[in-house]
Protein backbone atom coordinates (compact mmCIF):
# COMPACT_ATOMS: atom_id res chain seq x y z
CA MET A 1 0.00 0.00 0.00
CA ARG A 2 1.25 3.47 -0.79
CA HIS A 3 0.93 6.53 1.39
CA THR A 4 -1.63 7.99 -1.05
CA LEU A 5 -3.88 4.92 -0.79
CA TYR A 6 -3.68 5.13 3.00
CA TRP A 7 -4.99 8.70 2.83
CA THR A 8 -7.68 7.80 0.31
CA LEU A 9 -8.97 5.05 2.61
CA MET A 10 -8.73 7.27 5.69
CA ASN A 11 -10.64 10.11 4.03
CA GLU A 12 -13.32 7.80 2.61
CA GLU A 13 -13.89 6.07 5.93
CA PHE A 14 -13.67 9.00 8.34
CA GLY A 15 -13.92 12.21 6.30
CA GLU A 16 -10.98 14.55 5.78
CA ALA A 17 -11.10 16.44 9.08
CA ARG A 18 -11.53 13.39 11.28
CA ALA A 19 -8.97 11.38 9.29
CA ALA A 20 -6.38 14.10 9.85
CA SER A 21 -7.19 14.18 13.56
CA LEU A 22 -7.02 10.40 13.93
CA HIS A 23 -3.72 10.34 12.04
CA THR A 24 -2.08 12.67 14.56
CA ASP A 25 -3.98 11.91 17.76
CA LEU A 26 -5.09 8.25 17.86
CA THR A 27 -2.62 6.07 19.76
CA LEU A 28 -2.27 2.67 18.11
CA SER A 29 -1.46 0.14 20.82
CA SER A 30 -0.82 -2.65 18.30
CA LEU A 31 2.06 -0.58 16.87
CA GLY A 32 3.70 0.15 20.19
CA SER A 33 1.43 2.97 21.37
CA VAL A 34 2.40 5.45 18.68
CA THR A 35 0.17 7.56 16.46
CA ALA A 36 -0.14 6.89 12.74
CA ALA A 37 1.98 9.97 12.06
CA GLU A 38 4.71 8.65 14.34
CA ALA A 39 4.43 5.19 12.79
CA PHE A 40 5.03 6.66 9.32
CA ARG A 41 8.11 8.49 10.60
CA GLN A 42 9.36 5.20 12.06
CA GLY A 43 9.04 3.55 8.65
CA ILE A 44 6.12 1.25 9.46
CA GLU A 45 4.31 0.12 6.33
CA PRO A 46 1.15 2.13 5.46
CA ARG A 47 -0.85 -1.14 5.20
CA ASP A 48 0.06 -2.04 8.79
CA ILE A 49 -0.87 1.44 9.96
CA TRP A 50 -4.21 1.29 8.15
CA ILE A 51 -5.01 -2.09 9.70
CA ALA A 52 -4.11 -0.76 13.15
CA VAL A 53 -6.38 2.26 12.65
CA CYS A 54 -9.20 -0.01 11.47
CA ASP A 55 -8.76 -2.31 14.47
CA SER A 56 -8.71 0.61 16.90
CA MET A 57 -11.76 2.27 15.36
CA GLY A 58 -13.79 -0.91 14.79
CA VAL A 59 -13.93 -0.61 11.01
CA PRO A 60 -15.57 -3.80 9.70
CA GLU A 61 -13.63 -6.05 7.33
CA SER A 62 -16.11 -5.26 4.56
CA ARG A 63 -14.99 -1.60 4.48
CA ARG A 64 -11.23 -2.02 4.86
CA LEU A 65 -10.56 -2.09 1.12
CA GLY A 66 -12.42 1.17 0.52
CA LYS A 67 -15.78 2.06 -0.86
CA GLU A 68 -16.93 0.33 -3.99
CA LYS A 69 -16.81 2.75 -6.90
CA PRO A 70 -19.80 2.84 -9.24
CA ARG A 71 -19.03 1.48 -12.67
CA SER A 72 -19.39 3.84 -15.59
CA ARG A 73 -21.76 2.71 -18.27
CA PRO A 74 -20.28 1.98 -21.67
CA PHE A 75 -21.65 4.04 -24.52
């Protein structure tokens, strides 16, 4: 997972303002009691950070891959 996908998933799940707040304020015990921002600085993989955020916030498995995008209709 890339950093940009992490932010896409965060913003889709929590909204931009809350995602930014969770990124800097939520302590992730499964990553050694650091915030997501600190985890990124430590070099922890974005996928592992996303999973830790999901676990901490109770995001169901069905939403961890992002929202399903509507398909465009062929002309």
